[in-house]
C-alpha atoms as a PDB file:
ATOM      1  CA  UNK A   1       0.007  -0.017   0.002  1.00  0.00           C
ATOM      2  CA  UNK A   2       2.758   2.429   0.928  1.00  0.00           C
ATOM      3  CA  UNK A   3       4.656   1.724  -2.304  1.00  0.00           C
ATOM      4  CA  UNK A   4       1.530   2.453  -4.397  1.00  0.00           C
ATOM      5  CA  UNK A   5       0.973   5.647  -2.418  1.00  0.00           C
ATOM      6  CA  UNK A   6       4.521   6.783  -3.080  1.00  0.00           C
ATOM      7  CA  UNK A   7       4.110   6.189  -6.821  1.00  0.00           C
ATOM      8  CA  UNK A   8       0.865   8.167  -6.889  1.00  0.00           C
ATOM      9  CA  UNK A   9       2.384  10.954  -4.808  1.00  0.00           C
ATOM     10  CA  UNK A  10       5.472  11.088  -7.051  1.00  0.00           C
ATOM     11  CA  UNK A  11       3.313  11.374 -10.179  1.00  0.00           C
ATOM     12  CA  UNK A  12       1.340  14.181  -8.562  1.00  0.00           C
ATOM     13  CA  UNK A  13       4.216  16.156  -7.082  1.00  0.00           C
ATOM     14  CA  UNK A  14       6.779  15.998  -9.871  1.00  0.00           C
ATOM     15  CA  UNK A  15       4.857  18.031 -12.493  1.00  0.00           C
ATOM     16  CA  UNK A  16       4.029  20.651  -9.842  1.00  0.00           C
ATOM     17  CA  UNK A  17       7.651  21.108  -8.937  1.00  0.00           C
ATOM     18  CA  UNK A  18       8.113  22.941 -12.250  1.00  0.00           C
ATOM     19  CA  UNK A  19       5.155  25.231 -11.655  1.00  0.00           C
ATOM     20  CA  UNK A  20       5.444  25.925  -7.940  1.00  0.00           C
ATOM     21  CA  UNK A  21       5.079  29.696  -8.449  1.00  0.00           C
ATOM     22  CA  UNK A  22       1.487  29.028  -9.599  1.00  0.00           C
ATOM     23  CA  UNK A  23       0.757  26.244  -7.137  1.00  0.00           C
ATOM     24  CA  UNK A  24       2.052  27.546  -3.812  1.00  0.00           C
ATOM     25  CA  UNK A  25      -0.159  25.099  -1.920  1.00  0.00           C
ATOM     26  CA  UNK A  26       0.373  22.120  -4.218  1.00  0.00           C
ATOM     27  CA  UNK A  27       0.731  19.653  -1.391  1.00  0.00           C
ATOM     28  CA  UNK A  28      -2.999  19.837  -0.939  1.00  0.00           C
ATOM     29  CA  UNK A  29      -3.233  17.888  -4.145  1.00  0.00           C
ATOM     30  CA  UNK A  30      -0.907  15.107  -3.151  1.00  0.00           C
ATOM     31  CA  UNK A  31      -2.549  14.643   0.270  1.00  0.00           C
ATOM     32  CA  UNK A  32      -6.124  15.208  -0.887  1.00  0.00           C
ATOM     33  CA  UNK A  33      -6.885  11.512  -1.441  1.00  0.00           C
ATOM     34  CA  UNK A  34      -5.964  10.039   1.893  1.00  0.00           C
ATOM     35  CA  UNK A  35      -6.202   6.259   2.010  1.00  0.00           C
ATOM     36  CA  UNK A  36      -3.627   5.550   4.733  1.00  0.00           C
ATOM     37  CA  UNK A  37      -3.795   5.737   8.474  1.00  0.00           C
ATOM     38  CA  UNK A  38      -2.231   8.699  10.224  1.00  0.00           C
ATOM     39  CA  UNK A  39       0.775   6.689  11.362  1.00  0.00           C
ATOM     40  CA  UNK A  40       1.592   5.615   7.843  1.00  0.00           C
ATOM     41  CA  UNK A  41       1.254   9.143   6.515  1.00  0.00           C
ATOM     42  CA  UNK A  42       3.512  10.533   9.256  1.00  0.00           C
ATOM     43  CA  UNK A  43       6.213   8.046   8.252  1.00  0.00           C
ATOM     44  CA  UNK A  44       6.174   9.510   4.736  1.00  0.00           C
ATOM     45  CA  UNK A  45       6.754  13.127   5.671  1.00  0.00           C
ATOM     46  CA  UNK A  46      10.525  12.820   5.181  1.00  0.00           C
ATOM     47  CA  UNK A  47       9.897  11.501   1.660  1.00  0.00           C
ATOM     48  CA  UNK A  48       8.014  14.661   0.746  1.00  0.00           C
ATOM     49  CA  UNK A  49      10.591  16.867   2.490  1.00  0.00           C
ATOM     50  CA  UNK A  50      13.380  15.512   0.311  1.00  0.00           C
ATOM     51  CA  UNK A  51      11.320  15.760  -2.877  1.00  0.00           C
ATOM     52  CA  UNK A  52      10.083  19.396  -2.864  1.00  0.00           C
ATOM     53  CA  UNK A  53      11.488  22.839  -2.458  1.00  0.00           C
ATOM     54  CA  UNK A  54       9.450  24.913   0.013  1.00  0.00           C
ATOM     55  CA  UNK A  55       8.602  28.497  -0.964  1.00  0.00           C
ATOM     56  CA  UNK A  56      10.021  31.259   1.287  1.00  0.00           C
ATOM     57  CA  UNK A  57       7.353  33.588   2.650  1.00  0.00           C
ATOM     58  CA  UNK A  58       7.720  36.813   4.609  1.00  0.00           C
ATOM     59  CA  UNK A  59       5.899  38.691   7.354  1.00  0.00           C
ATOM     60  CA  UNK A  60       3.332  39.976   7.693  1.00  0.00           C
ATOM     61  CA  UNK A  61       1.512  36.697   7.261  1.00  0.00           C
ATOM     62  CA  UNK A  62      -1.848  38.376   7.505  1.00  0.00           C
ATOM     63  CA  UNK A  63      -3.546  41.419   8.992  1.00  0.00           C
ATOM     64  CA  UNK A  64      -4.260  39.441  12.158  1.00  0.00           C
ATOM     65  CA  UNK A  65      -2.150  36.413  13.124  1.00  0.00           C
ATOM     66  CA  UNK A  66      -3.124  33.907  15.810  1.00  0.00           C
ATOM     67  CA  UNK A  67      -0.859  31.192  17.204  1.00  0.00           C
ATOM     68  CA  UNK A  68      -2.837  28.253  18.546  1.00  0.00           C
ATOM     69  CA  UNK A  69      -0.662  26.268  20.946  1.00  0.00           C
ATOM     70  CA  UNK A  70      -1.769  23.087  22.681  1.00  0.00           C
ATOM     71  CA  UNK A  71       0.641  23.662  25.580  1.00  0.00           C
ATOM     72  CA  UNK A  72       2.667  26.455  27.112  1.00  0.00           C
ATOM     73  CA  UNK A  73       5.924  26.554  25.048  1.00  0.00           C
ATOM     74  CA  UNK A  74       4.601  25.240  21.727  1.00  0.00           C
ATOM     75  CA  UNK A  75       4.065  28.821  20.533  1.00  0.00           C
ATOM     76  CA  UNK A  76       7.777  29.507  20.898  1.00  0.00           C
ATOM     77  CA  UNK A  77       9.128  26.137  19.677  1.00  0.00           C
ATOM     78  CA  UNK A  78       7.047  25.940  16.527  1.00  0.00           C
ATOM     79  CA  UNK A  79       6.747  29.500  15.296  1.00  0.00           C
ATOM     80  CA  UNK A  80       8.408  31.882  17.724  1.00  0.00           C
ATOM     81  CA  UNK A  81      10.399  33.360  14.863  1.00  0.00           C
ATOM     82  CA  UNK A  82       7.408  33.897  12.629  1.00  0.00           C
ATOM     83  CA  UNK A  83       5.540  35.445  15.556  1.00  0.00           C
ATOM     84  CA  UNK A  84       8.457  37.832  16.236  1.00  0.00           C
ATOM     85  CA  UNK A  85       8.553  38.848  12.564  1.00  0.00           C
ATOM     86  CA  UNK A  86       4.807  39.483  12.547  1.00  0.00           C
ATOM     87  CA  UNK A  87       5.184  41.776  15.555  1.00  0.00           C
ATOM     88  CA  UNK A  88       8.047  43.630  13.860  1.00  0.00           C
ATOM     89  CA  UNK A  89       5.873  44.145  10.793  1.00  0.00           C
ATOM     90  CA  UNK A  90       3.405  46.138  12.881  1.00  0.00           C
ATOM     91  CA  UNK A  91       0.466  43.834  12.184  1.00  0.00           C
ATOM     92  CA  UNK A  92      -1.700  42.223  14.830  1.00  0.00           C
ATOM     93  CA  UNK A  93      -0.499  39.048  16.581  1.00  0.00           C
ATOM     94  CA  UNK A  94      -1.712  37.001  19.514  1.00  0.00           C
ATOM     95  CA  UNK A  95      -1.496  33.543  21.085  1.00  0.00           C
ATOM     96  CA  UNK A  96      -3.964  31.164  22.647  1.00  0.00           C
ATOM     97  CA  UNK A  97      -3.037  28.161  24.766  1.00  0.00           C
ATOM     98  CA  UNK A  98      -5.607  25.339  24.611  1.00  0.00           C
ATOM     99  CA  UNK A  99      -4.648  22.819  27.267  1.00  0.00           C
ATOM    100  CA  UNK A 100      -3.808  23.615  30.906  1.00  0.00           C
ATOM    101  CA  UNK A 101      -0.392  21.945  30.662  1.00  0.00           C
ATOM    102  CA  UNK A 102      -0.734  20.306  34.063  1.00  0.00           C
ATOM    103  CA  UNK A 103      -0.605  16.612  33.244  1.00  0.00           C
ATOM    104  CA  UNK A 104       1.632  14.837  35.737  1.00  0.00           C
ATOM    105  CA  UNK A 105       1.023  17.382  38.493  1.00  0.00           C
ATOM    106  CA  UNK A 106       0.412  14.701  41.120  1.00  0.00           C
ATOM    107  CA  UNK A 107       3.822  13.108  40.475  1.00  0.00           C
ATOM    108  CA  UNK A 108       5.380  16.508  41.105  1.00  0.00           C
ATOM    109  CA  UNK A 109       3.471  17.014  44.353  1.00  0.00           C
ATOM    110  CA  UNK A 110       1.474  19.963  42.947  1.00  0.00           C
ATOM    111  CA  UNK A 111      -2.161  20.717  42.530  1.00  0.00           C
ATOM    112  CA  UNK A 112      -3.408  20.932  39.003  1.00  0.00           C
ATOM    113  CA  UNK A 113      -4.261  24.612  39.503  1.00  0.00           C
ATOM    114  CA  UNK A 114      -0.776  25.452  40.823  1.00  0.00           C
ATOM    115  CA  UNK A 115       0.958  23.746  37.952  1.00  0.00           C
ATOM    116  CA  UNK A 116      -1.325  25.361  35.394  1.00  0.00           C
ATOM    117  CA  UNK A 117      -0.650  28.813  36.779  1.00  0.00           C
ATOM    118  CA  UNK A 118       3.102  28.166  36.868  1.00  0.00           C
ATOM    119  CA  UNK A 119       3.136  27.179  33.200  1.00  0.00           C
ATOM    120  CA  UNK A 120       0.760  29.999  32.189  1.00  0.00           C
ATOM    121  CA  UNK A 121       3.124  32.492  33.840  1.00  0.00           C
ATOM    122  CA  UNK A 122       5.970  31.178  31.729  1.00  0.00           C
ATOM    123  CA  UNK A 123       3.946  31.805  28.563  1.00  0.00           C
ATOM    124  CA  UNK A 124       3.160  35.325  29.810  1.00  0.00           C
ATOM    125  CA  UNK A 125       6.886  36.011  30.253  1.00  0.00           C
ATOM    126  CA  UNK A 126       7.596  34.697  26.736  1.00  0.00           C
ATOM    127  CA  UNK A 127       4.950  37.073  25.320  1.00  0.00           C
ATOM    128  CA  UNK A 128       6.622  39.982  27.079  1.00  0.00           C
ATOM    129  CA  UNK A 129       9.827  39.259  25.181  1.00  0.00           C
ATOM    130  CA  UNK A 130       8.063  40.223  21.961  1.00  0.00           C
ATOM    131  CA  UNK A 131       5.920  42.973  23.448  1.00  0.00           C
ATOM    132  CA  UNK A 132       2.760  40.911  23.029  1.00  0.00           C
ATOM    133  CA  UNK A 133      -0.343  40.947  25.123  1.00  0.00           C
ATOM    134  CA  UNK A 134      -0.642  37.961  27.466  1.00  0.00           C
ATOM    135  CA  UNK A 135      -1.887  34.765  25.808  1.00  0.00           C
ATOM    136  CA  UNK A 136      -5.466  33.653  26.121  1.00  0.00           C
ATOM    137  CA  UNK A 137      -5.665  30.482  28.203  1.00  0.00           C
ATOM    138  CA  UNK A 138      -8.517  28.063  27.624  1.00  0.00           C
ATOM    139  CA  UNK A 139      -7.150  25.783  30.397  1.00  0.00           C
ATOM    140  CA  UNK A 140      -8.801  22.538  29.331  1.00  0.00           C
ATOM    141  CA  UNK A 141      -7.475  19.535  31.264  1.00  0.00           C
ATOM    142  CA  UNK A 142      -8.350  16.826  28.734  1.00  0.00           C
ATOM    143  CA  UNK A 143      -8.763  17.975  25.151  1.00  0.00           C
ATOM    144  CA  UNK A 144     -10.646  14.980  23.637  1.00  0.00           C
ATOM    145  CA  UNK A 145     -13.454  15.571  26.166  1.00  0.00           C
ATOM    146  CA  UNK A 146     -13.639  19.267  25.365  1.00  0.00           C
ATOM    147  CA  UNK A 147     -13.427  19.544  21.587  1.00  0.00           C
ATOM    148  CA  UNK A 148     -16.811  21.254  21.101  1.00  0.00           C
ATOM    149  CA  UNK A 149     -16.380  23.653  24.003  1.00  0.00           C
ATOM    150  CA  UNK A 150     -12.800  24.576  23.018  1.00  0.00           C
ATOM    151  CA  UNK A 151     -13.847  25.007  19.393  1.00  0.00           C
ATOM    152  CA  UNK A 152     -16.548  27.480  20.448  1.00  0.00           C
ATOM    153  CA  UNK A 153     -14.078  29.481  22.549  1.00  0.00           C
ATOM    154  CA  UNK A 154     -11.512  29.491  19.763  1.00  0.00           C
ATOM    155  CA  UNK A 155     -14.115  30.463  17.198  1.00  0.00           C
ATOM    156  CA  UNK A 156     -15.005  33.502  19.325  1.00  0.00           C
ATOM    157  CA  UNK A 157     -11.373  34.552  19.436  1.00  0.00           C
ATOM    158  CA  UNK A 158     -10.976  34.117  15.658  1.00  0.00           C
ATOM    159  CA  UNK A 159     -14.054  36.264  15.088  1.00  0.00           C
ATOM    160  CA  UNK A 160     -13.179  38.875  17.706  1.00  0.00           C
ATOM    161  CA  UNK A 161      -9.685  39.383  16.236  1.00  0.00           C
ATOM    162  CA  UNK A 162     -10.714  38.949  12.542  1.00  0.00           C
ATOM    163  CA  UNK A 163      -7.882  36.450  12.236  1.00  0.00           C
ATOM    164  CA  UNK A 164      -6.691  35.691   8.724  1.00  0.00           C
ATOM    165  CA  UNK A 165      -3.547  33.659   9.508  1.00  0.00           C
ATOM    166  CA  UNK A 166      -3.506  30.807  12.046  1.00  0.00           C
ATOM    167  CA  UNK A 167      -0.436  28.905  13.137  1.00  0.00           C
ATOM    168  CA  UNK A 168      -1.075  25.501  14.711  1.00  0.00           C
ATOM    169  CA  UNK A 169       0.918  22.273  15.138  1.00  0.00           C
ATOM    170  CA  UNK A 170       1.375  20.196  12.013  1.00  0.00           C
ATOM    171  CA  UNK A 171      -1.741  18.027  11.707  1.00  0.00           C
ATOM    172  CA  UNK A 172       0.301  14.782  11.722  1.00  0.00           C
ATOM    173  CA  UNK A 173       2.388  15.773  14.743  1.00  0.00           C
ATOM    174  CA  UNK A 174       3.351  12.915  17.036  1.00  0.00           C
ATOM    175  CA  UNK A 175       1.698  14.327  20.188  1.00  0.00           C
ATOM    176  CA  UNK A 176      -2.016  13.417  20.567  1.00  0.00           C
ATOM    177  CA  UNK A 177      -2.872  16.804  22.086  1.00  0.00           C
ATOM    178  CA  UNK A 178      -1.398  18.453  19.028  1.00  0.00           C
ATOM    179  CA  UNK A 179      -3.537  16.375  16.683  1.00  0.00           C
ATOM    180  CA  UNK A 180      -6.647  17.067  18.766  1.00  0.00           C
ATOM    181  CA  UNK A 181      -5.862  20.784  18.646  1.00  0.00           C
ATOM    182  CA  UNK A 182      -6.175  20.565  14.877  1.00  0.00           C
ATOM    183  CA  UNK A 183      -9.629  18.989  15.277  1.00  0.00           C
ATOM    184  CA  UNK A 184     -10.577  21.857  17.572  1.00  0.00           C
ATOM    185  CA  UNK A 185      -9.255  24.437  15.107  1.00  0.00           C
ATOM    186  CA  UNK A 186     -11.018  22.814  12.135  1.00  0.00           C
ATOM    187  CA  UNK A 187     -14.298  22.917  14.092  1.00  0.00           C
ATOM    188  CA  UNK A 188     -13.735  26.543  14.981  1.00  0.00           C
ATOM    189  CA  UNK A 189     -12.977  27.482  11.380  1.00  0.00           C
ATOM    190  CA  UNK A 190     -16.105  25.881   9.871  1.00  0.00           C
ATOM    191  CA  UNK A 191     -18.273  28.934  10.596  1.00  0.00           C
ATOM    192  CA  UNK A 192     -15.670  31.536   9.663  1.00  0.00           C
ATOM    193  CA  UNK A 193     -16.901  33.186   6.421  1.00  0.00           C
ATOM    194  CA  UNK A 194     -13.599  34.758   5.336  1.00  0.00           C
ATOM    195  CA  UNK A 195     -10.381  33.317   3.946  1.00  0.00           C
ATOM    196  CA  UNK A 196      -7.852  32.120   6.536  1.00  0.00           C
ATOM    197  CA  UNK A 197      -4.365  30.798   6.006  1.00  0.00           C
ATOM    198  CA  UNK A 198      -3.541  27.819   8.185  1.00  0.00           C
ATOM    199  CA  UNK A 199       0.167  27.057   8.732  1.00  0.00           C
ATOM    200  CA  UNK A 200       1.210  23.908  10.567  1.00  0.00           C
ATOM    201  CA  UNK A 201       4.390  24.224  12.576  1.00  0.00           C
ATOM    202  CA  UNK A 202       6.941  21.669  13.840  1.00  0.00           C
ATOM    203  CA  UNK A 203       7.217  20.519  17.456  1.00  0.00           C
ATOM    204  CA  UNK A 204       7.425  16.727  17.903  1.00  0.00           C
ATOM    205  CA  UNK A 205       8.320  15.884  14.349  1.00  0.00           C
ATOM    206  CA  UNK A 206       9.018  17.337  10.924  1.00  0.00           C
ATOM    207  CA  UNK A 207       6.155  18.658   8.849  1.00  0.00           C
ATOM    208  CA  UNK A 208       5.706  18.365   5.099  1.00  0.00           C
ATOM    209  CA  UNK A 209       7.177  21.820   4.316  1.00  0.00           C
ATOM    210  CA  UNK A 210       5.582  23.719   1.407  1.00  0.00           C
ATOM    211  CA  UNK A 211       6.538  27.137   2.858  1.00  0.00           C
ATOM    212  CA  UNK A 212       9.359  28.379   5.073  1.00  0.00           C
ATOM    213  CA  UNK A 213      10.330  31.520   6.968  1.00  0.00           C
ATOM    214  CA  UNK A 214      13.893  32.761   7.390  1.00  0.00           C
ATOM    215  CA  UNK A 215      14.199  33.822  11.043  1.00  0.00           C
ATOM    216  CA  UNK A 216      17.886  34.887  11.219  1.00  0.00           C
ATOM    217  CA  UNK A 217      17.075  38.413  12.391  1.00  0.00           C
ATOM    218  CA  UNK A 218      14.785  37.303  15.226  1.00  0.00           C
ATOM    219  CA  UNK A 219      16.519  34.128  16.349  1.00  0.00           C
ATOM    220  CA  UNK A 220      17.784  35.795  19.511  1.00  0.00           C
ATOM    221  CA  UNK A 221      14.226  36.801  20.398  1.00  0.00           C
ATOM    222  CA  UNK A 222      13.045  33.250  19.820  1.00  0.00           C
ATOM    223  CA  UNK A 223      15.778  31.866  22.083  1.00  0.00           C
ATOM    224  CA  UNK A 224      14.816  34.386  24.799  1.00  0.00           C
ATOM    225  CA  UNK A 225      11.239  33.219  24.519  1.00  0.00           C
ATOM    226  CA  UNK A 226      12.277  29.612  24.805  1.00  0.00           C
ATOM    227  CA  UNK A 227      14.390  30.312  27.889  1.00  0.00           C
ATOM    228  CA  UNK A 228      11.261  31.570  29.699  1.00  0.00           C
ATOM    229  CA  UNK A 229       9.920  27.990  29.883  1.00  0.00           C
ATOM    230  CA  UNK A 230      11.964  26.932  32.872  1.00  0.00           C
ATOM    231  CA  UNK A 231       9.732  23.982  33.756  1.00  0.00           C
ATOM    232  CA  UNK A 232       9.774  22.379  30.291  1.00  0.00           C
ATOM    233  CA  UNK A 233      13.468  23.000  29.829  1.00  0.00           C
ATOM    234  CA  UNK A 234      14.178  20.944  32.937  1.00  0.00           C
ATOM    235  CA  UNK A 235      12.959  17.859  31.050  1.00  0.00           C
ATOM    236  CA  UNK A 236      14.172  18.720  27.538  1.00  0.00           C
ATOM    237  CA  UNK A 237      16.534  21.524  26.575  1.00  0.00           C
ATOM    238  CA  UNK A 238      14.189  23.208  24.146  1.00  0.00           C
ATOM    239  CA  UNK A 239      16.505  26.194  23.701  1.00  0.00           C
ATOM    240  CA  UNK A 240      19.243  23.888  22.408  1.00  0.00           C
ATOM    241  CA  UNK A 241      17.093  21.429  20.452  1.00  0.00           C
ATOM    242  CA  UNK A 242      14.896  24.033  18.780  1.00  0.00           C
ATOM    243  CA  UNK A 243      17.920  26.069  17.734  1.00  0.00           C
ATOM    244  CA  UNK A 244      19.333  22.866  16.214  1.00  0.00           C
ATOM    245  CA  UNK A 245      16.088  22.183  14.328  1.00  0.00           C
ATOM    246  CA  UNK A 246      15.979  25.667  12.858  1.00  0.00           C
ATOM    247  CA  UNK A 247      19.636  25.376  11.856  1.00  0.00           C
ATOM    248  CA  UNK A 248      18.952  21.985  10.215  1.00  0.00           C
ATOM    249  CA  UNK A 249      15.985  23.370   8.295  1.00  0.00           C
ATOM    250  CA  UNK A 250      18.200  26.028   6.706  1.00  0.00           C
ATOM    251  CA  UNK A 251      19.522  23.242   4.471  1.00  0.00           C
ATOM    252  CA  UNK A 252      16.371  23.666   2.379  1.00  0.00           C
ATOM    253  CA  UNK A 253      17.865  26.892   1.039  1.00  0.00           C
ATOM    254  CA  UNK A 254      21.160  27.350  -0.761  1.00  0.00           C
ATOM    255  CA  UNK A 255      24.398  27.825   1.086  1.00  0.00           C
ATOM    256  CA  UNK A 256      24.680  31.252   2.676  1.00  0.00           C
ATOM    257  CA  UNK A 257      21.011  32.229   2.252  1.00  0.00           C
ATOM    258  CA  UNK A 258      20.061  31.697   5.877  1.00  0.00           C
ATOM    259  CA  UNK A 259      21.209  30.312   9.191  1.00  0.00           C
ATOM    260  CA  UNK A 260      17.820  29.633  10.793  1.00  0.00           C
ATOM    261  CA  UNK A 261      14.534  28.562   9.197  1.00  0.00           C
ATOM    262  CA  UNK A 262      11.067  27.646  10.403  1.00  0.00           C
ATOM    263  CA  UNK A 263       9.110  25.300   8.176  1.00  0.00           C
ATOM    264  CA  UNK A 264       5.361  25.097   7.763  1.00  0.00           C
ATOM    265  CA  UNK A 265       2.649  23.123   5.940  1.00  0.00           C
ATOM    266  CA  UNK A 266       0.205  25.731   4.655  1.00  0.00           C
ATOM    267  CA  UNK A 267      -3.359  25.174   3.532  1.00  0.00           C
ATOM    268  CA  UNK A 268      -6.327  27.512   2.992  1.00  0.00           C
ATOM    269  CA  UNK A 269      -9.140  27.165   5.498  1.00  0.00           C
ATOM    270  CA  UNK A 270     -11.441  24.888   3.537  1.00  0.00           C
ATOM    271  CA  UNK A 271      -8.698  22.506   2.444  1.00  0.00           C
ATOM    272  CA  UNK A 272      -7.377  22.352   6.011  1.00  0.00           C
ATOM    273  CA  UNK A 273     -10.820  21.386   7.301  1.00  0.00           C
ATOM    274  CA  UNK A 274     -11.207  18.722   4.642  1.00  0.00           C
ATOM    275  CA  UNK A 275      -7.797  17.248   5.376  1.00  0.00           C
ATOM    276  CA  UNK A 276      -8.456  17.109   9.127  1.00  0.00           C
ATOM    277  CA  UNK A 277     -11.737  15.291   8.392  1.00  0.00           C
ATOM    278  CA  UNK A 278     -10.007  12.769   6.136  1.00  0.00           C
ATOM    279  CA  UNK A 279      -7.275  12.076   8.681  1.00  0.00           C
ATOM    280  CA  UNK A 280      -9.860  11.621  11.430  1.00  0.00           C
ATOM    281  CA  UNK A 281     -11.815   9.185   9.218  1.00  0.00           C
ATOM    282  CA  UNK A 282      -8.585   7.234   8.570  1.00  0.00           C
ATOM    283  CA  UNK A 283      -7.975   6.742  12.305  1.00  0.00           C
ATOM    284  CA  UNK A 284      -7.866   3.046  13.355  1.00  0.00           C
ATOM    285  CA  UNK A 285     -10.877   1.896  15.243  1.00  0.00           C
ATOM    286  CA  UNK A 286     -10.206   2.066  19.023  1.00  0.00           C
ATOM    287  CA  UNK A 287      -8.706  -1.114  20.287  1.00  0.00           C
ATOM    288  CA  UNK A 288      -7.633  -2.381  16.868  1.00  0.00           C
ATOM    289  CA  UNK A 289      -4.074  -2.471  15.731  1.00  0.00           C
ATOM    290  CA  UNK A 290      -3.452  -0.957  12.226  1.00  0.00           C
ATOM    291  CA  UNK A 291      -2.860  -3.641   9.591  1.00  0.00           C
END
């Protein structure tokens, strides 16, 4: 099955490589006919990454940009550079944190409320680095049980801010909360009547990059944001590892063109919703092992 998928994908992608200026979002074509489970698709992302040349894009990314982060720190890891560039452009920017970030609080001898507030404060400090208003915190403890409620809250924020560019984790990201966040965003976007760019960023795995952002001039700001997340950095050195990822991603451009790059998978609103629906439909039935 995977071999047949690769052949179909290759036949789809190759002609578009020579017309990428006219088909900026051509990956929507190659992923439009999903017939594989999410795990199989995720395993193919490196194949696409080595077969295409992402298109550089620049700030501002819209008149009103919103970063949707499942947890406190995802906003800095995945698109802190793009967020900093949006702020420098003078256009509107904001962040919303969906989950409360307090899983494991009992093992640490903390109440859920105390751990949530500690992590929220770290996101507030990161926003100050860029001169942003404090993030909006939805503070949901378990996302799968709160999809409808979170979607309603997020939809209100999208409408209130007239958001036309949303950054969210890549929809095939390895973390279940990150995938659920895409379901929440898709539900929130269904009733939005205007065009919205949706850009999936990298946290727990590589995305299929059809666009990229050079972040050399704001990398110091991004690292300062990352250093605000003291709690998360005690488990994983996100300052070090994220810097390494952005350095690695610069290989997608020619030598000397950049030192640090953030990669994204961009889709328009309707195509994003359709793709989320297809991926959800391809999920294995609970309790069954994918064949």
